[in-house]
Amino acid sequence: MWKSMLIGCAVFAATSTQAANIEVRNDSAWGQRIVIIGPIVLGDAEKFQAVATPLPDGTPVSLHSQGGLIFTAFNIGTTVQQRHFKTIVTGPSTCVSACSLIWLSGDHMVVAQGARIGFHRTNVAGKPSKYGDGRVRYYLARLGWGPTQINWFLKTPHTGMHFLNIKEARDVLHIRFDTVDRGSWRSCDMKFCWLAP
Protein backbone atom coordinates (compact mmCIF):
# COMPACT_ATOMS: atom_id res chain seq x y z
CA MET A 1 0.00 0.00 0.00
CA TRP A 2 1.02 3.60 0.62
CA LYS A 3 2.19 3.39 4.24
CA SER A 4 5.87 2.91 3.47
CA MET A 5 5.80 5.92 1.13
CA LEU A 6 4.19 8.13 3.76
CA ILE A 7 6.94 7.48 6.30
CA GLY A 8 9.64 8.78 3.98
CA CYS A 9 7.72 11.74 2.59
CA ALA A 10 7.08 15.26 3.76
CA VAL A 11 3.68 16.57 4.77
CA PHE A 12 1.58 17.61 1.80
CA ALA A 13 -1.09 20.27 2.32
CA ALA A 14 -1.25 19.70 6.06
CA THR A 15 -0.86 22.30 8.74
CA SER A 16 -2.35 20.59 11.81
CA THR A 17 -1.34 17.64 13.96
CA GLN A 18 -4.84 17.14 15.35
CA ALA A 19 -6.20 13.83 14.12
CA ALA A 20 -9.55 13.41 12.42
CA ASN A 21 -12.55 12.19 14.38
CA ILE A 22 -13.47 8.86 12.77
CA GLU A 23 -16.52 7.04 14.11
CA VAL A 24 -19.70 5.17 13.23
CA ARG A 25 -22.97 7.09 13.44
CA ASN A 26 -26.53 5.98 12.89
CA ASP A 27 -29.43 8.38 12.44
CA SER A 28 -32.76 8.58 10.65
CA ALA A 29 -31.49 10.90 7.91
CA TRP A 30 -28.45 8.92 6.71
CA GLY A 31 -28.60 5.56 8.46
CA GLN A 32 -25.42 3.80 9.55
CA ARG A 33 -22.28 5.42 8.18
CA ILE A 34 -18.63 6.17 8.94
CA VAL A 35 -17.99 9.84 9.65
CA ILE A 36 -14.60 11.52 9.11
CA ILE A 37 -14.37 15.02 10.55
CA GLY A 38 -11.19 17.09 10.84
CA PRO A 39 -7.63 17.10 9.49
CA ILE A 40 -6.29 13.90 7.92
CA VAL A 41 -3.01 13.03 9.62
CA LEU A 42 -0.63 10.14 10.28
CA GLY A 43 -2.43 7.24 11.95
CA ASP A 44 -5.88 8.08 10.58
CA ALA A 45 -5.74 5.35 7.92
CA GLU A 46 -5.23 2.71 10.63
CA LYS A 47 -8.02 4.26 12.69
CA PHE A 48 -10.32 4.20 9.66
CA GLN A 49 -9.44 0.57 8.96
CA ALA A 50 -10.29 -0.42 12.54
CA VAL A 51 -13.66 1.35 12.37
CA ALA A 52 -14.49 0.00 8.90
CA THR A 53 -13.52 -3.66 9.39
CA PRO A 54 -16.71 -4.87 11.13
CA LEU A 55 -19.04 -2.95 8.81
CA PRO A 56 -20.61 -4.38 5.63
CA ASP A 57 -19.33 -3.57 2.15
CA GLY A 58 -21.10 -0.57 0.65
CA THR A 59 -21.28 1.37 3.91
CA PRO A 60 -21.44 5.15 3.35
CA VAL A 61 -18.50 7.32 4.42
CA SER A 62 -19.43 10.91 5.29
CA LEU A 63 -16.61 13.47 4.85
CA HIS A 64 -16.00 16.89 6.37
CA SER A 65 -12.34 17.94 6.27
CA GLN A 66 -10.02 20.71 5.10
CA GLY A 67 -7.50 18.07 3.99
CA GLY A 68 -4.17 16.86 5.34
CA LEU A 69 -1.66 14.15 4.42
CA ILE A 70 -2.20 12.86 0.91
CA PHE A 71 -0.64 9.47 1.62
CA THR A 72 -3.01 8.92 4.53
CA ALA A 73 -5.84 9.88 2.17
CA PHE A 74 -4.53 7.36 -0.38
CA ASN A 75 -4.70 4.58 2.20
CA ILE A 76 -8.21 5.50 3.29
CA GLY A 77 -9.33 5.86 -0.33
CA THR A 78 -7.89 2.47 -1.24
CA THR A 79 -9.89 0.85 1.56
CA VAL A 80 -13.01 2.73 0.45
CA GLN A 81 -12.61 1.40 -3.10
CA GLN A 82 -11.85 -2.16 -2.02
CA ARG A 83 -14.89 -2.24 0.26
CA HIS A 84 -17.18 -0.59 -2.31
CA PHE A 85 -18.07 2.13 0.18
CA LYS A 86 -20.10 5.16 -0.90
CA THR A 87 -18.67 8.61 -0.17
CA ILE A 88 -20.90 11.47 0.95
CA VAL A 89 -20.43 15.18 1.52
CA THR A 90 -23.53 16.53 3.23
CA GLY A 91 -24.57 20.16 3.14
CA PRO A 92 -23.12 22.46 4.31
CA SER A 93 -19.99 20.33 4.85
CA THR A 94 -16.67 20.99 3.10
CA CYS A 95 -14.30 18.35 1.69
CA VAL A 96 -11.18 19.82 0.08
CA SER A 97 -7.57 18.97 -0.74
CA ALA A 98 -6.67 15.48 0.57
CA CYS A 99 -10.29 14.93 1.64
CA SER A 100 -11.49 15.21 -1.96
CA LEU A 101 -9.09 12.39 -2.90
CA ILE A 102 -11.01 10.13 -0.51
CA TRP A 103 -14.34 11.30 -1.93
CA LEU A 104 -13.20 10.33 -5.44
CA SER A 105 -12.65 6.72 -4.32
CA GLY A 106 -16.31 6.02 -3.58
CA ASP A 107 -18.32 3.51 -5.59
CA HIS A 108 -21.02 6.18 -5.58
CA MET A 109 -20.04 9.78 -4.80
CA VAL A 110 -22.93 11.60 -3.16
CA VAL A 111 -23.12 15.39 -2.87
CA ALA A 112 -25.82 17.20 -0.94
CA GLN A 113 -27.09 20.69 -1.68
CA GLY A 114 -24.71 23.24 -0.12
CA ALA A 115 -21.72 20.88 0.09
CA ARG A 116 -18.33 22.10 -1.16
CA ILE A 117 -15.74 19.77 -2.72
CA GLY A 118 -12.45 21.40 -3.68
CA PHE A 119 -9.33 20.35 -5.56
CA HIS A 120 -5.82 21.72 -5.99
CA ARG A 121 -2.24 20.59 -6.51
CA THR A 122 0.03 19.42 -3.69
CA ASN A 123 2.69 21.24 -1.71
CA VAL A 124 5.51 20.59 0.74
CA ALA A 125 5.94 23.30 3.38
CA GLY A 126 4.05 25.74 1.16
CA LYS A 127 6.05 25.02 -2.00
CA PRO A 128 4.66 23.23 -5.10
CA SER A 129 5.50 19.53 -5.23
CA LYS A 130 5.81 17.80 -8.60
CA TYR A 131 6.46 14.55 -6.74
CA GLY A 132 3.24 14.92 -4.76
CA ASP A 133 1.29 15.73 -7.92
CA GLY A 134 2.76 12.65 -9.58
CA ARG A 135 1.67 10.42 -6.69
CA VAL A 136 -1.83 11.88 -6.87
CA ARG A 137 -1.93 11.13 -10.61
CA TYR A 138 -0.89 7.54 -9.97
CA TYR A 139 -3.45 7.10 -7.18
CA LEU A 140 -6.31 8.54 -9.23
CA ALA A 141 -5.39 6.40 -12.23
CA ARG A 142 -5.52 3.33 -9.97
CA LEU A 143 -9.02 4.38 -8.94
CA GLY A 144 -10.02 4.41 -12.61
CA TRP A 145 -10.02 8.12 -13.42
CA GLY A 146 -8.83 9.12 -16.88
CA PRO A 147 -6.09 11.59 -17.89
CA THR A 148 -8.49 14.44 -18.75
CA GLN A 149 -10.27 14.10 -15.42
CA ILE A 150 -7.00 13.87 -13.47
CA ASN A 151 -5.66 16.98 -15.22
CA TRP A 152 -8.81 18.83 -14.15
CA PHE A 153 -8.45 17.73 -10.52
CA LEU A 154 -4.88 19.04 -10.52
CA LYS A 155 -5.27 22.20 -12.60
CA THR A 156 -5.36 24.63 -9.66
CA PRO A 157 -2.16 25.66 -7.80
CA HIS A 158 -1.91 24.72 -4.13
CA THR A 159 -2.46 28.36 -3.18
CA GLY A 160 -5.99 28.23 -4.66
CA MET A 161 -8.95 25.89 -4.67
CA HIS A 162 -11.35 24.89 -7.44
CA PHE A 163 -14.76 23.75 -6.26
CA LEU A 164 -16.67 21.15 -8.22
CA ASN A 165 -20.03 22.12 -9.66
CA ILE A 166 -22.62 19.99 -11.40
CA LYS A 167 -22.08 21.62 -14.82
CA GLU A 168 -18.36 20.82 -14.85
CA ALA A 169 -18.99 17.32 -13.54
CA ARG A 170 -21.27 16.72 -16.53
CA ASP A 171 -19.67 18.75 -19.33
CA VAL A 172 -15.94 18.67 -18.51
CA LEU A 173 -15.39 15.55 -16.44
CA HIS A 174 -18.14 13.59 -18.24
CA ILE A 175 -19.25 11.94 -15.02
CA ARG A 176 -22.63 10.27 -15.35
CA PHE A 177 -24.87 11.56 -12.60
CA ASP A 178 -28.41 11.43 -11.33
CA THR A 179 -30.33 13.94 -9.24
CA VAL A 180 -32.26 12.31 -6.42
CA ASP A 181 -34.07 13.51 -3.33
CA ARG A 182 -32.58 12.96 0.09
CA GLY A 183 -34.99 10.21 0.98
CA SER A 184 -33.98 8.01 -1.96
CA TRP A 185 -30.24 8.66 -2.25
CA ARG A 186 -29.40 5.02 -1.50
CA SER A 187 -31.14 3.98 -4.71
CA CYS A 188 -28.86 6.13 -6.91
CA ASP A 189 -26.73 3.75 -8.98
CA MET A 190 -24.75 6.40 -10.87
CA LYS A 191 -21.12 7.23 -10.09
CA PHE A 192 -22.11 10.79 -9.10
CA CYS A 193 -25.33 11.36 -7.16
CA TRP A 194 -26.54 14.93 -6.63
CA LEU A 195 -29.08 15.40 -3.86
CA ALA A 196 -31.81 17.85 -4.66
CA PRO A 197 -32.88 20.25 -1.86
C-alpha atoms as a PDB file:
ATOM      1  CA  MET A   1       0.000   0.000   0.000  1.00  0.00           C
ATOM      2  CA  TRP A   2       1.025   3.596   0.619  1.00  0.00           C
ATOM      3  CA  LYS A   3       2.185   3.394   4.236  1.00  0.00           C
ATOM      4  CA  SER A   4       5.873   2.914   3.466  1.00  0.00           C
ATOM      5  CA  MET A   5       5.805   5.924   1.126  1.00  0.00           C
ATOM      6  CA  LEU A   6       4.194   8.127   3.760  1.00  0.00           C
ATOM      7  CA  ILE A   7       6.943   7.475   6.305  1.00  0.00           C
ATOM      8  CA  GLY A   8       9.637   8.783   3.978  1.00  0.00           C
ATOM      9  CA  CYS A   9       7.717  11.743   2.590  1.00  0.00           C
ATOM     10  CA  ALA A  10       7.082  15.261   3.764  1.00  0.00           C
ATOM     11  CA  VAL A  11       3.676  16.571   4.774  1.00  0.00           C
ATOM     12  CA  PHE A  12       1.582  17.608   1.800  1.00  0.00           C
ATOM     13  CA  ALA A  13      -1.094  20.266   2.323  1.00  0.00           C
ATOM     14  CA  ALA A  14      -1.254  19.696   6.064  1.00  0.00           C
ATOM     15  CA  THR A  15      -0.856  22.297   8.741  1.00  0.00           C
ATOM     16  CA  SER A  16      -2.352  20.591  11.814  1.00  0.00           C
ATOM     17  CA  THR A  17      -1.337  17.637  13.961  1.00  0.00           C
ATOM     18  CA  GLN A  18      -4.840  17.138  15.354  1.00  0.00           C
ATOM     19  CA  ALA A  19      -6.197  13.827  14.123  1.00  0.00           C
ATOM     20  CA  ALA A  20      -9.548  13.407  12.420  1.00  0.00           C
ATOM     21  CA  ASN A  21     -12.552  12.190  14.377  1.00  0.00           C
ATOM     22  CA  ILE A  22     -13.467   8.856  12.766  1.00  0.00           C
ATOM     23  CA  GLU A  23     -16.520   7.044  14.110  1.00  0.00           C
ATOM     24  CA  VAL A  24     -19.696   5.167  13.225  1.00  0.00           C
ATOM     25  CA  ARG A  25     -22.967   7.095  13.435  1.00  0.00           C
ATOM     26  CA  ASN A  26     -26.530   5.982  12.894  1.00  0.00           C
ATOM     27  CA  ASP A  27     -29.429   8.377  12.441  1.00  0.00           C
ATOM     28  CA  SER A  28     -32.758   8.580  10.646  1.00  0.00           C
ATOM     29  CA  ALA A  29     -31.493  10.902   7.908  1.00  0.00           C
ATOM     30  CA  TRP A  30     -28.455   8.923   6.709  1.00  0.00           C
ATOM     31  CA  GLY A  31     -28.603   5.563   8.460  1.00  0.00           C
ATOM     32  CA  GLN A  32     -25.417   3.795   9.547  1.00  0.00           C
ATOM     33  CA  ARG A  33     -22.279   5.415   8.179  1.00  0.00           C
ATOM     34  CA  ILE A  34     -18.635   6.172   8.940  1.00  0.00           C
ATOM     35  CA  VAL A  35     -17.989   9.843   9.652  1.00  0.00           C
ATOM     36  CA  ILE A  36     -14.597  11.517   9.108  1.00  0.00           C
ATOM     37  CA  ILE A  37     -14.366  15.024  10.553  1.00  0.00           C
ATOM     38  CA  GLY A  38     -11.192  17.088  10.840  1.00  0.00           C
ATOM     39  CA  PRO A  39      -7.627  17.104   9.485  1.00  0.00           C
ATOM     40  CA  ILE A  40      -6.290  13.899   7.922  1.00  0.00           C
ATOM     41  CA  VAL A  41      -3.007  13.027   9.621  1.00  0.00           C
ATOM     42  CA  LEU A  42      -0.631  10.139  10.281  1.00  0.00           C
ATOM     43  CA  GLY A  43      -2.435   7.238  11.947  1.00  0.00           C
ATOM     44  CA  ASP A  44      -5.884   8.081  10.580  1.00  0.00           C
ATOM     45  CA  ALA A  45      -5.736   5.350   7.924  1.00  0.00           C
ATOM     46  CA  GLU A  46      -5.234   2.714  10.630  1.00  0.00           C
ATOM     47  CA  LYS A  47      -8.019   4.264  12.693  1.00  0.00           C
ATOM     48  CA  PHE A  48     -10.319   4.200   9.663  1.00  0.00           C
ATOM     49  CA  GLN A  49      -9.436   0.572   8.956  1.00  0.00           C
ATOM     50  CA  ALA A  50     -10.293  -0.419  12.535  1.00  0.00           C
ATOM     51  CA  VAL A  51     -13.661   1.348  12.374  1.00  0.00           C
ATOM     52  CA  ALA A  52     -14.488   0.003   8.904  1.00  0.00           C
ATOM     53  CA  THR A  53     -13.517  -3.655   9.387  1.00  0.00           C
ATOM     54  CA  PRO A  54     -16.710  -4.871  11.134  1.00  0.00           C
ATOM     55  CA  LEU A  55     -19.043  -2.947   8.810  1.00  0.00           C
ATOM     56  CA  PRO A  56     -20.606  -4.384   5.631  1.00  0.00           C
ATOM     57  CA  ASP A  57     -19.329  -3.570   2.152  1.00  0.00           C
ATOM     58  CA  GLY A  58     -21.100  -0.573   0.647  1.00  0.00           C
ATOM     59  CA  THR A  59     -21.279   1.369   3.914  1.00  0.00           C
ATOM     60  CA  PRO A  60     -21.437   5.155   3.346  1.00  0.00           C
ATOM     61  CA  VAL A  61     -18.495   7.321   4.420  1.00  0.00           C
ATOM     62  CA  SER A  62     -19.427  10.914   5.288  1.00  0.00           C
ATOM     63  CA  LEU A  63     -16.612  13.470   4.852  1.00  0.00           C
ATOM     64  CA  HIS A  64     -15.999  16.894   6.372  1.00  0.00           C
ATOM     65  CA  SER A  65     -12.339  17.938   6.267  1.00  0.00           C
ATOM     66  CA  GLN A  66     -10.024  20.706   5.101  1.00  0.00           C
ATOM     67  CA  GLY A  67      -7.501  18.069   3.994  1.00  0.00           C
ATOM     68  CA  GLY A  68      -4.168  16.858   5.344  1.00  0.00           C
ATOM     69  CA  LEU A  69      -1.655  14.151   4.420  1.00  0.00           C
ATOM     70  CA  ILE A  70      -2.204  12.861   0.914  1.00  0.00           C
ATOM     71  CA  PHE A  71      -0.644   9.466   1.616  1.00  0.00           C
ATOM     72  CA  THR A  72      -3.011   8.923   4.527  1.00  0.00           C
ATOM     73  CA  ALA A  73      -5.842   9.884   2.173  1.00  0.00           C
ATOM     74  CA  PHE A  74      -4.535   7.357  -0.376  1.00  0.00           C
ATOM     75  CA  ASN A  75      -4.696   4.576   2.205  1.00  0.00           C
ATOM     76  CA  ILE A  76      -8.206   5.495   3.287  1.00  0.00           C
ATOM     77  CA  GLY A  77      -9.334   5.855  -0.325  1.00  0.00           C
ATOM     78  CA  THR A  78      -7.892   2.474  -1.244  1.00  0.00           C
ATOM     79  CA  THR A  79      -9.894   0.850   1.563  1.00  0.00           C
ATOM     80  CA  VAL A  80     -13.015   2.727   0.446  1.00  0.00           C
ATOM     81  CA  GLN A  81     -12.609   1.403  -3.102  1.00  0.00           C
ATOM     82  CA  GLN A  82     -11.849  -2.160  -2.024  1.00  0.00           C
ATOM     83  CA  ARG A  83     -14.893  -2.241   0.257  1.00  0.00           C
ATOM     84  CA  HIS A  84     -17.184  -0.588  -2.313  1.00  0.00           C
ATOM     85  CA  PHE A  85     -18.065   2.134   0.182  1.00  0.00           C
ATOM     86  CA  LYS A  86     -20.102   5.161  -0.899  1.00  0.00           C
ATOM     87  CA  THR A  87     -18.667   8.611  -0.172  1.00  0.00           C
ATOM     88  CA  ILE A  88     -20.904  11.468   0.948  1.00  0.00           C
ATOM     89  CA  VAL A  89     -20.432  15.175   1.516  1.00  0.00           C
ATOM     90  CA  THR A  90     -23.525  16.530   3.228  1.00  0.00           C
ATOM     91  CA  GLY A  91     -24.569  20.157   3.141  1.00  0.00           C
ATOM     92  CA  PRO A  92     -23.118  22.456   4.315  1.00  0.00           C
ATOM     93  CA  SER A  93     -19.985  20.328   4.846  1.00  0.00           C
ATOM     94  CA  THR A  94     -16.669  20.988   3.102  1.00  0.00           C
ATOM     95  CA  CYS A  95     -14.301  18.354   1.691  1.00  0.00           C
ATOM     96  CA  VAL A  96     -11.183  19.817   0.085  1.00  0.00           C
ATOM     97  CA  SER A  97      -7.569  18.965  -0.738  1.00  0.00           C
ATOM     98  CA  ALA A  98      -6.670  15.483   0.572  1.00  0.00           C
ATOM     99  CA  CYS A  99     -10.285  14.930   1.643  1.00  0.00           C
ATOM    100  CA  SER A 100     -11.485  15.207  -1.959  1.00  0.00           C
ATOM    101  CA  LEU A 101      -9.087  12.386  -2.899  1.00  0.00           C
ATOM    102  CA  ILE A 102     -11.013  10.132  -0.512  1.00  0.00           C
ATOM    103  CA  TRP A 103     -14.344  11.297  -1.932  1.00  0.00           C
ATOM    104  CA  LEU A 104     -13.197  10.330  -5.443  1.00  0.00           C
ATOM    105  CA  SER A 105     -12.648   6.720  -4.319  1.00  0.00           C
ATOM    106  CA  GLY A 106     -16.315   6.018  -3.577  1.00  0.00           C
ATOM    107  CA  ASP A 107     -18.323   3.511  -5.587  1.00  0.00           C
ATOM    108  CA  HIS A 108     -21.021   6.182  -5.580  1.00  0.00           C
ATOM    109  CA  MET A 109     -20.040   9.781  -4.796  1.00  0.00           C
ATOM    110  CA  VAL A 110     -22.933  11.605  -3.160  1.00  0.00           C
ATOM    111  CA  VAL A 111     -23.119  15.389  -2.871  1.00  0.00           C
ATOM    112  CA  ALA A 112     -25.821  17.202  -0.936  1.00  0.00           C
ATOM    113  CA  GLN A 113     -27.085  20.693  -1.682  1.00  0.00           C
ATOM    114  CA  GLY A 114     -24.713  23.235  -0.125  1.00  0.00           C
ATOM    115  CA  ALA A 115     -21.721  20.878   0.088  1.00  0.00           C
ATOM    116  CA  ARG A 116     -18.329  22.102  -1.163  1.00  0.00           C
ATOM    117  CA  ILE A 117     -15.741  19.770  -2.716  1.00  0.00           C
ATOM    118  CA  GLY A 118     -12.455  21.395  -3.678  1.00  0.00           C
ATOM    119  CA  PHE A 119      -9.329  20.355  -5.560  1.00  0.00           C
ATOM    120  CA  HIS A 120      -5.816  21.717  -5.993  1.00  0.00           C
ATOM    121  CA  ARG A 121      -2.236  20.594  -6.508  1.00  0.00           C
ATOM    122  CA  THR A 122       0.033  19.420  -3.686  1.00  0.00           C
ATOM    123  CA  ASN A 123       2.685  21.237  -1.715  1.00  0.00           C
ATOM    124  CA  VAL A 124       5.505  20.592   0.738  1.00  0.00           C
ATOM    125  CA  ALA A 125       5.944  23.298   3.377  1.00  0.00           C
ATOM    126  CA  GLY A 126       4.053  25.742   1.164  1.00  0.00           C
ATOM    127  CA  LYS A 127       6.048  25.015  -2.004  1.00  0.00           C
ATOM    128  CA  PRO A 128       4.658  23.235  -5.097  1.00  0.00           C
ATOM    129  CA  SER A 129       5.501  19.527  -5.230  1.00  0.00           C
ATOM    130  CA  LYS A 130       5.813  17.798  -8.599  1.00  0.00           C
ATOM    131  CA  TYR A 131       6.460  14.554  -6.741  1.00  0.00           C
ATOM    132  CA  GLY A 132       3.242  14.924  -4.758  1.00  0.00           C
ATOM    133  CA  ASP A 133       1.289  15.732  -7.918  1.00  0.00           C
ATOM    134  CA  GLY A 134       2.759  12.649  -9.576  1.00  0.00           C
ATOM    135  CA  ARG A 135       1.670  10.415  -6.695  1.00  0.00           C
ATOM    136  CA  VAL A 136      -1.828  11.884  -6.870  1.00  0.00           C
ATOM    137  CA  ARG A 137      -1.934  11.127 -10.607  1.00  0.00           C
ATOM    138  CA  TYR A 138      -0.887   7.537  -9.971  1.00  0.00           C
ATOM    139  CA  TYR A 139      -3.447   7.098  -7.182  1.00  0.00           C
ATOM    140  CA  LEU A 140      -6.314   8.544  -9.229  1.00  0.00           C
ATOM    141  CA  ALA A 141      -5.393   6.400 -12.232  1.00  0.00           C
ATOM    142  CA  ARG A 142      -5.521   3.333  -9.975  1.00  0.00           C
ATOM    143  CA  LEU A 143      -9.021   4.378  -8.938  1.00  0.00           C
ATOM    144  CA  GLY A 144     -10.017   4.410 -12.607  1.00  0.00           C
ATOM    145  CA  TRP A 145     -10.023   8.122 -13.420  1.00  0.00           C
ATOM    146  CA  GLY A 146      -8.834   9.124 -16.885  1.00  0.00           C
ATOM    147  CA  PRO A 147      -6.089  11.592 -17.892  1.00  0.00           C
ATOM    148  CA  THR A 148      -8.495  14.437 -18.751  1.00  0.00           C
ATOM    149  CA  GLN A 149     -10.266  14.104 -15.424  1.00  0.00           C
ATOM    150  CA  ILE A 150      -6.998  13.871 -13.469  1.00  0.00           C
ATOM    151  CA  ASN A 151      -5.661  16.980 -15.215  1.00  0.00           C
ATOM    152  CA  TRP A 152      -8.811  18.833 -14.152  1.00  0.00           C
ATOM    153  CA  PHE A 153      -8.454  17.729 -10.524  1.00  0.00           C
ATOM    154  CA  LEU A 154      -4.876  19.045 -10.517  1.00  0.00           C
ATOM    155  CA  LYS A 155      -5.273  22.202 -12.602  1.00  0.00           C
ATOM    156  CA  THR A 156      -5.360  24.630  -9.661  1.00  0.00           C
ATOM    157  CA  PRO A 157      -2.158  25.665  -7.797  1.00  0.00           C
ATOM    158  CA  HIS A 158      -1.905  24.721  -4.133  1.00  0.00           C
ATOM    159  CA  THR A 159      -2.463  28.359  -3.177  1.00  0.00           C
ATOM    160  CA  GLY A 160      -5.985  28.235  -4.655  1.00  0.00           C
ATOM    161  CA  MET A 161      -8.947  25.895  -4.670  1.00  0.00           C
ATOM    162  CA  HIS A 162     -11.346  24.893  -7.438  1.00  0.00           C
ATOM    163  CA  PHE A 163     -14.759  23.752  -6.259  1.00  0.00           C
ATOM    164  CA  LEU A 164     -16.670  21.151  -8.225  1.00  0.00           C
ATOM    165  CA  ASN A 165     -20.031  22.119  -9.663  1.00  0.00           C
ATOM    166  CA  ILE A 166     -22.622  19.991 -11.397  1.00  0.00           C
ATOM    167  CA  LYS A 167     -22.081  21.624 -14.817  1.00  0.00           C
ATOM    168  CA  GLU A 168     -18.358  20.822 -14.847  1.00  0.00           C
ATOM    169  CA  ALA A 169     -18.991  17.316 -13.543  1.00  0.00           C
ATOM    170  CA  ARG A 170     -21.267  16.723 -16.527  1.00  0.00           C
ATOM    171  CA  ASP A 171     -19.673  18.755 -19.335  1.00  0.00           C
ATOM    172  CA  VAL A 172     -15.945  18.674 -18.510  1.00  0.00           C
ATOM    173  CA  LEU A 173     -15.390  15.552 -16.441  1.00  0.00           C
ATOM    174  CA  HIS A 174     -18.139  13.592 -18.243  1.00  0.00           C
ATOM    175  CA  ILE A 175     -19.245  11.939 -15.017  1.00  0.00           C
ATOM    176  CA  ARG A 176     -22.630  10.269 -15.348  1.00  0.00           C
ATOM    177  CA  PHE A 177     -24.869  11.563 -12.603  1.00  0.00           C
ATOM    178  CA  ASP A 178     -28.408  11.435 -11.331  1.00  0.00           C
ATOM    179  CA  THR A 179     -30.331  13.936  -9.244  1.00  0.00           C
ATOM    180  CA  VAL A 180     -32.258  12.312  -6.420  1.00  0.00           C
ATOM    181  CA  ASP A 181     -34.072  13.509  -3.334  1.00  0.00           C
ATOM    182  CA  ARG A 182     -32.579  12.963   0.086  1.00  0.00           C
ATOM    183  CA  GLY A 183     -34.989  10.212   0.984  1.00  0.00           C
ATOM    184  CA  SER A 184     -33.982   8.011  -1.959  1.00  0.00           C
ATOM    185  CA  TRP A 185     -30.243   8.662  -2.246  1.00  0.00           C
ATOM    186  CA  ARG A 186     -29.403   5.020  -1.498  1.00  0.00           C
ATOM    187  CA  SER A 187     -31.145   3.979  -4.714  1.00  0.00           C
ATOM    188  CA  CYS A 188     -28.862   6.126  -6.907  1.00  0.00           C
ATOM    189  CA  ASP A 189     -26.734   3.747  -8.983  1.00  0.00           C
ATOM    190  CA  MET A 190     -24.747   6.403 -10.867  1.00  0.00           C
ATOM    191  CA  LYS A 191     -21.116   7.229 -10.090  1.00  0.00           C
ATOM    192  CA  PHE A 192     -22.111  10.787  -9.101  1.00  0.00           C
ATOM    193  CA  CYS A 193     -25.327  11.356  -7.162  1.00  0.00           C
ATOM    194  CA  TRP A 194     -26.536  14.930  -6.633  1.00  0.00           C
ATOM    195  CA  LEU A 195     -29.078  15.398  -3.864  1.00  0.00           C
ATOM    196  CA  ALA A 196     -31.811  17.854  -4.659  1.00  0.00           C
ATOM    197  CA  PRO A 197     -32.881  20.251  -1.856  1.00  0.00           C
END
